[in-house]
């Protein structure tokens, strides 16, 4: 059943846990031209709580939400293992689709979902929100407009303040697929060039439980791009000083870099030195503005009949790089991308 189109993009939220709830609140309160019309969650009490706070209705099931006349687009904010099936269900229903990353940890499942999107011809955007961080976006723009010249070297650091629970690590796909996948996307975004080779090294430096889970907690990856640029990415599961994410591009005409925002801008200077605020300690503290800009871009694209800015191809490529990094770590050698994605 096709929705009845209005000037406002009416979004149904599937999954209103921590990330879905944030998306619902932004859409309901801070994104012009958008509203939340329905919410659904496998936990009925969670759905009712969020719906009550936002003054919207709940859907008893996904099918009911997709068939509703007042749903123009869906936001898929459920667990990763459900994303592909939900995309396949939403596409033929004619709904524009926003999906949190990744679509799947399995490349064949990603391709199945994207084939459904292509067949239905519906707008699709994957949730790589860091592209919309003003600082990271400014770095990408400095490359795209030629300010820094041809990119030669890129450095990307992503370090979380504390490790996730081991129950999450055992099902997340590991550091390359649940954490560094953002950085693989960022490397493509800021350079404007695809990756042809991946070389990964990893270690357990934070918690021996990572090794027991078949993972590492500290990793460095080098990417070789089609245009000859080299990118190095470092990840750590524990940065005791806060949420640390920086990007730097060095090029033939200069460099551009994004720095971490502080908790506030006050400085205290004494004879003993200078003190500043700490970094944000939680990703929502750092990135709510980027999530807001992400939704603004999606709503503007769908409402204007344009392709959303982060496409199915952008959903697929970082997974391929994550799979290549995992193989590189296991085999101790550089891995060409075509070995993973012939």
Protein backbone atom coordinates (compact mmCIF):
# COMPACT_ATOMS: atom_id res chain seq x y z
CA UNK A 1 0.00 0.00 0.00
CA UNK A 2 1.45 3.38 -1.00
CA UNK A 3 1.49 6.13 1.58
CA UNK A 4 -0.48 9.31 0.99
CA UNK A 5 2.26 11.86 0.36
CA UNK A 6 2.29 15.13 2.25
CA UNK A 7 4.66 18.10 2.48
CA UNK A 8 6.08 16.54 5.64
CA UNK A 9 8.08 13.31 5.36
CA UNK A 10 6.38 10.96 7.82
CA UNK A 11 8.78 8.39 9.21
CA UNK A 12 8.04 5.09 10.89
CA UNK A 13 10.77 3.98 13.28
CA UNK A 14 11.51 0.25 13.50
CA UNK A 15 13.48 -0.34 16.68
CA UNK A 16 13.46 2.29 19.43
CA UNK A 17 16.28 1.15 21.67
CA UNK A 18 19.06 3.62 22.45
CA UNK A 19 19.93 4.63 18.87
CA UNK A 20 16.37 4.35 17.53
CA UNK A 21 15.01 6.45 20.36
CA UNK A 22 17.55 9.17 19.60
CA UNK A 23 16.59 9.13 15.92
CA UNK A 24 12.89 9.32 16.81
CA UNK A 25 13.43 12.28 19.13
CA UNK A 26 15.46 14.18 16.52
CA UNK A 27 12.87 13.57 13.79
CA UNK A 28 9.97 14.51 16.01
CA UNK A 29 11.49 17.66 17.45
CA UNK A 30 14.42 19.02 15.44
CA UNK A 31 14.20 18.13 11.74
CA UNK A 32 12.11 20.57 9.67
CA UNK A 33 9.93 18.85 7.12
CA UNK A 34 9.87 15.54 9.01
CA UNK A 35 7.72 13.88 11.62
CA UNK A 36 7.39 10.52 13.34
CA UNK A 37 4.10 8.81 12.59
CA UNK A 38 4.56 5.30 14.02
CA UNK A 39 7.07 3.37 16.12
CA UNK A 40 7.58 -0.36 16.54
CA UNK A 41 9.90 -2.36 18.74
CA UNK A 42 10.10 -6.04 19.62
CA UNK A 43 9.77 -4.87 23.22
CA UNK A 44 6.24 -3.54 23.40
CA UNK A 45 6.88 -1.65 26.63
CA UNK A 46 9.78 0.23 25.02
CA UNK A 47 7.66 1.13 21.99
CA UNK A 48 4.82 2.36 24.20
CA UNK A 49 7.17 4.47 26.31
CA UNK A 50 8.76 6.21 23.30
CA UNK A 51 5.41 6.64 21.56
CA UNK A 52 3.93 8.23 24.68
CA UNK A 53 6.84 10.67 25.02
CA UNK A 54 6.53 11.74 21.38
CA UNK A 55 2.76 11.66 21.14
CA UNK A 56 2.64 9.12 18.32
CA UNK A 57 1.10 5.70 17.79
CA UNK A 58 2.68 2.26 18.00
CA UNK A 59 2.48 -0.47 15.37
CA UNK A 60 1.89 -4.02 16.53
CA UNK A 61 4.25 -5.37 13.89
CA UNK A 62 6.52 -4.43 10.99
CA UNK A 63 3.88 -5.34 8.42
CA UNK A 64 1.39 -2.98 10.04
CA UNK A 65 3.93 -0.15 10.05
CA UNK A 66 4.88 -0.70 6.39
CA UNK A 67 1.23 -0.78 5.30
CA UNK A 68 0.25 2.39 7.15
CA UNK A 69 -1.04 5.25 4.99
CA UNK A 70 0.82 7.80 7.12
CA UNK A 71 4.33 6.33 6.66
CA UNK A 72 6.41 7.71 3.78
CA UNK A 73 9.80 6.45 4.99
CA UNK A 74 11.16 3.95 7.49
CA UNK A 75 14.14 4.17 9.80
CA UNK A 76 15.62 0.73 10.51
CA UNK A 77 17.31 0.93 13.90
CA UNK A 78 17.15 -2.69 15.00
CA UNK A 79 19.95 -5.21 15.55
CA UNK A 80 22.26 -5.79 12.58
CA UNK A 81 21.05 -9.34 11.94
CA UNK A 82 17.55 -8.02 11.10
CA UNK A 83 18.52 -5.18 8.74
CA UNK A 84 18.59 -7.09 5.44
CA UNK A 85 15.18 -8.70 5.93
CA UNK A 86 13.64 -5.39 6.94
CA UNK A 87 15.07 -3.65 3.87
CA UNK A 88 13.72 -6.43 1.65
CA UNK A 89 10.28 -5.96 3.26
CA UNK A 90 10.28 -2.15 3.12
CA UNK A 91 11.47 -1.70 -0.47
CA UNK A 92 8.49 -3.25 -2.33
CA UNK A 93 6.17 -1.39 0.04
CA UNK A 94 7.43 1.77 -1.66
CA UNK A 95 8.93 3.33 1.46
CA UNK A 96 12.10 5.42 1.42
CA UNK A 97 14.61 3.65 3.65
CA UNK A 98 17.13 4.87 6.19
CA UNK A 99 19.13 2.04 7.76
CA UNK A 100 21.67 2.12 10.54
CA UNK A 101 25.01 0.59 9.59
CA UNK A 102 25.85 -2.07 8.65
CA UNK A 103 23.22 -3.70 6.47
CA UNK A 104 24.72 -7.08 7.36
CA UNK A 105 28.00 -8.73 8.27
CA UNK A 106 27.53 -11.02 5.26
CA UNK A 107 28.24 -9.58 1.81
CA UNK A 108 25.66 -11.80 0.10
CA UNK A 109 22.99 -10.49 2.46
CA UNK A 110 24.01 -6.91 1.70
CA UNK A 111 23.68 -7.61 -2.01
CA UNK A 112 20.26 -9.23 -1.49
CA UNK A 113 19.01 -6.16 0.35
CA UNK A 114 20.44 -3.69 -2.15
CA UNK A 115 18.96 -5.67 -5.05
CA UNK A 116 15.51 -5.23 -3.47
CA UNK A 117 16.14 -1.48 -3.16
CA UNK A 118 17.23 -1.24 -6.79
CA UNK A 119 14.29 -3.29 -8.03
CA UNK A 120 11.79 -1.14 -6.14
CA UNK A 121 13.53 2.11 -7.05
CA UNK A 122 13.12 3.56 -3.56
CA UNK A 123 15.48 6.08 -1.93
CA UNK A 124 18.00 4.48 0.43
CA UNK A 125 20.55 5.91 2.87
CA UNK A 126 22.95 4.07 5.16
CA UNK A 127 23.70 5.61 8.56
CA UNK A 128 27.35 6.62 8.37
CA UNK A 129 26.70 9.70 10.46
CA UNK A 130 30.33 10.79 10.79
CA UNK A 131 30.23 12.09 7.23
CA UNK A 132 27.92 14.79 8.57
CA UNK A 133 30.17 15.87 11.44
CA UNK A 134 31.03 19.48 10.54
CA UNK A 135 34.76 19.03 11.19
CA UNK A 136 35.13 15.77 9.26
CA UNK A 137 32.99 17.18 6.43
CA UNK A 138 35.24 20.25 6.24
CA UNK A 139 38.26 18.00 5.75
CA UNK A 140 36.50 16.15 2.92
CA UNK A 141 35.49 19.47 1.36
CA UNK A 142 39.09 20.74 1.45
CA UNK A 143 40.08 17.72 -0.64
CA UNK A 144 37.10 17.86 -2.99
CA UNK A 145 37.57 21.56 -3.83
CA UNK A 146 41.33 21.20 -4.34
CA UNK A 147 42.39 23.30 -1.33
CA UNK A 148 44.93 20.71 -0.13
CA UNK A 149 45.82 19.49 -3.63
CA UNK A 150 46.17 15.82 -4.45
CA UNK A 151 45.82 13.73 -1.26
CA UNK A 152 49.02 11.84 -0.41
CA UNK A 153 48.54 10.63 3.16
CA UNK A 154 45.48 10.24 5.39
CA UNK A 155 45.54 9.48 9.10
CA UNK A 156 42.37 8.41 10.93
CA UNK A 157 42.24 7.69 14.67
CA UNK A 158 39.22 6.17 16.41
CA UNK A 159 39.55 5.29 20.06
CA UNK A 160 36.64 4.46 22.32
CA UNK A 161 36.71 5.45 26.00
CA UNK A 162 35.80 1.96 27.21
CA UNK A 163 35.39 -1.51 25.69
CA UNK A 164 31.90 -2.78 24.84
CA UNK A 165 30.47 -5.77 26.73
CA UNK A 166 31.89 -9.13 25.68
CA UNK A 167 28.38 -10.30 24.86
CA UNK A 168 28.38 -7.63 22.14
CA UNK A 169 31.91 -8.38 20.94
CA UNK A 170 31.13 -12.05 20.38
CA UNK A 171 28.35 -11.21 17.90
CA UNK A 172 29.49 -7.86 16.46
CA UNK A 173 31.80 -9.17 13.76
CA UNK A 174 34.88 -7.84 15.53
CA UNK A 175 36.80 -4.58 15.58
CA UNK A 176 36.97 -4.23 11.80
CA UNK A 177 33.23 -4.67 11.22
CA UNK A 178 31.69 -2.96 14.24
CA UNK A 179 34.20 -0.17 14.93
CA UNK A 180 36.64 0.45 12.10
CA UNK A 181 33.87 0.18 9.51
CA UNK A 182 33.17 3.88 10.19
CA UNK A 183 36.81 4.66 9.43
CA UNK A 184 36.78 2.65 6.21
CA UNK A 185 33.85 4.81 5.13
CA UNK A 186 35.66 7.96 6.22
CA UNK A 187 38.75 7.02 4.20
CA UNK A 188 36.67 6.74 1.02
CA UNK A 189 34.74 9.89 1.90
CA UNK A 190 37.67 12.24 2.53
CA UNK A 191 39.87 10.98 -0.31
CA UNK A 192 37.15 10.54 -2.90
CA UNK A 193 38.97 7.40 -4.01
CA UNK A 194 38.21 3.70 -3.69
CA UNK A 195 40.55 1.31 -1.88
CA UNK A 196 42.42 -1.42 -3.76
CA UNK A 197 44.50 -3.06 -0.99
CA UNK A 198 44.25 -3.55 2.77
CA UNK A 199 46.98 -4.52 5.26
CA UNK A 200 45.98 -5.04 8.91
CA UNK A 201 47.79 -5.75 12.15
CA UNK A 202 46.16 -6.24 15.53
CA UNK A 203 46.94 -6.98 19.15
CA UNK A 204 45.25 -7.52 22.49
CA UNK A 205 46.45 -4.69 24.73
CA UNK A 206 43.33 -3.85 26.75
CA UNK A 207 41.57 -7.03 27.88
CA UNK A 208 42.54 -10.71 27.34
CA UNK A 209 38.84 -11.50 26.92
CA UNK A 210 39.05 -10.10 23.38
CA UNK A 211 41.41 -12.90 22.42
CA UNK A 212 39.03 -15.44 23.94
CA UNK A 213 36.31 -13.94 21.73
CA UNK A 214 38.53 -14.28 18.67
CA UNK A 215 39.07 -10.55 18.35
CA UNK A 216 41.67 -7.85 19.00
CA UNK A 217 41.22 -4.60 20.90
CA UNK A 218 44.02 -2.62 19.24
CA UNK A 219 44.47 -2.42 15.48
CA UNK A 220 46.27 -0.56 12.71
CA UNK A 221 45.31 -0.80 9.05
CA UNK A 222 46.94 0.65 5.96
CA UNK A 223 44.83 1.26 2.87
CA UNK A 224 46.09 1.83 -0.66
CA UNK A 225 43.69 3.88 -2.77
CA UNK A 226 43.14 3.83 -6.51
CA UNK A 227 44.60 7.33 -6.76
CA UNK A 228 47.80 6.28 -4.97
CA UNK A 229 46.93 7.88 -1.63
CA UNK A 230 47.87 5.93 1.50
CA UNK A 231 45.57 5.88 4.55
CA UNK A 232 46.51 4.65 8.00
CA UNK A 233 43.78 3.91 10.54
CA UNK A 234 44.32 3.16 14.21
CA UNK A 235 41.66 1.85 16.58
CA UNK A 236 41.69 1.20 20.30
CA UNK A 237 38.85 -0.07 22.45
CA UNK A 238 40.01 2.00 25.44
CA UNK A 239 41.18 5.61 25.52
CA UNK A 240 41.07 6.60 29.17
CA UNK A 241 40.85 10.32 28.34
CA UNK A 242 37.59 10.10 26.35
CA UNK A 243 36.08 9.60 22.90
CA UNK A 244 38.95 10.32 20.49
CA UNK A 245 38.24 10.66 16.77
CA UNK A 246 40.45 12.63 14.39
CA UNK A 247 41.02 12.78 10.64
CA UNK A 248 43.93 14.36 8.79
CA UNK A 249 44.58 14.63 5.06
CA UNK A 250 48.03 15.70 3.85
CA UNK A 251 48.18 16.73 0.21
CA UNK A 252 50.34 18.35 -2.43
CA UNK A 253 49.11 21.85 -1.53
CA UNK A 254 48.59 21.58 2.22
CA UNK A 255 46.74 19.67 4.88
CA UNK A 256 43.34 19.62 6.59
CA UNK A 257 42.48 18.02 9.92
CA UNK A 258 39.58 17.58 12.31
CA UNK A 259 40.21 17.79 16.04
CA UNK A 260 38.17 16.54 18.98
CA UNK A 261 35.66 18.92 20.56
CA UNK A 262 36.10 19.46 24.29
CA UNK A 263 33.36 19.23 26.87
CA UNK A 264 33.44 23.05 27.00
CA UNK A 265 35.76 25.82 25.85
CA UNK A 266 36.99 27.21 29.20
CA UNK A 267 40.72 27.24 29.98
CA UNK A 268 42.33 27.65 33.42
CA UNK A 269 45.90 28.94 33.34
CA UNK A 270 48.10 29.09 36.44
CA UNK A 271 51.76 28.87 37.27
CA UNK A 272 51.39 25.11 37.16
CA UNK A 273 50.19 25.08 33.56
CA UNK A 274 46.96 25.14 31.56
CA UNK A 275 43.91 22.97 32.20
CA UNK A 276 41.12 22.32 29.72
CA UNK A 277 37.94 20.26 29.77
CA UNK A 278 38.02 16.57 28.94
CA UNK A 279 36.79 15.04 25.69
CA UNK A 280 33.22 13.74 25.44
CA UNK A 281 33.00 10.25 26.94
CA UNK A 282 30.02 8.92 24.96
CA UNK A 283 29.39 8.87 21.23
CA UNK A 284 26.05 10.63 21.59
CA UNK A 285 27.78 13.52 23.34
CA UNK A 286 30.10 13.87 20.36
CA UNK A 287 27.87 13.13 17.42
CA UNK A 288 24.29 14.32 18.00
CA UNK A 289 24.88 17.30 15.65
CA UNK A 290 26.02 14.88 12.93
CA UNK A 291 22.95 12.67 13.41
CA UNK A 292 20.78 15.77 13.05
CA UNK A 293 22.56 16.86 9.85
CA UNK A 294 22.29 13.29 8.56
CA UNK A 295 18.50 13.40 8.90
CA UNK A 296 18.28 16.85 7.39
CA UNK A 297 20.16 15.57 4.33
CA UNK A 298 17.95 12.47 4.03
CA UNK A 299 14.71 14.43 4.36
CA UNK A 300 15.85 17.06 1.86
CA UNK A 301 16.89 14.40 -0.67
CA UNK A 302 13.72 12.33 -0.41
CA UNK A 303 11.43 15.35 -0.39
CA UNK A 304 13.28 16.84 -3.35
CA UNK A 305 13.31 13.66 -5.40
CA UNK A 306 17.11 13.37 -5.23
CA UNK A 307 19.37 10.43 -4.41
CA UNK A 308 20.27 10.44 -0.69
CA UNK A 309 23.93 11.35 -0.08
CA UNK A 310 25.13 8.05 1.44
CA UNK A 311 24.07 5.29 -0.93
CA UNK A 312 23.90 1.52 -1.12
CA UNK A 313 27.37 1.50 -2.66
CA UNK A 314 28.59 3.39 0.41
CA UNK A 315 26.95 0.75 2.60
CA UNK A 316 28.68 -2.08 0.73
CA UNK A 317 32.25 -0.84 0.29
CA UNK A 318 33.23 -0.50 3.98
CA UNK A 319 32.02 -4.05 4.68
CA UNK A 320 34.26 -5.33 1.87
CA UNK A 321 37.20 -3.47 3.42
CA UNK A 322 36.39 -4.87 6.87
CA UNK A 323 36.31 -8.40 5.49
CA UNK A 324 39.62 -7.78 3.71
CA UNK A 325 41.15 -6.45 6.94
CA UNK A 326 40.04 -9.56 8.82
CA UNK A 327 41.64 -11.79 6.20
CA UNK A 328 44.81 -9.70 6.23
CA UNK A 329 45.11 -10.01 10.00
CA UNK A 330 44.54 -13.77 9.91
CA UNK A 331 46.96 -14.39 7.05
CA UNK A 332 49.58 -11.76 7.90
CA UNK A 333 49.71 -10.21 4.43
CA UNK A 334 48.23 -7.41 2.33
CA UNK A 335 44.90 -8.38 0.76
CA UNK A 336 43.67 -7.02 -2.56
CA UNK A 337 40.03 -5.97 -2.47
CA UNK A 338 39.16 -8.21 -5.44
CA UNK A 339 40.16 -11.24 -3.34
CA UNK A 340 37.16 -10.53 -1.13
CA UNK A 341 34.88 -9.07 -3.77
CA UNK A 342 35.79 -10.61 -7.15
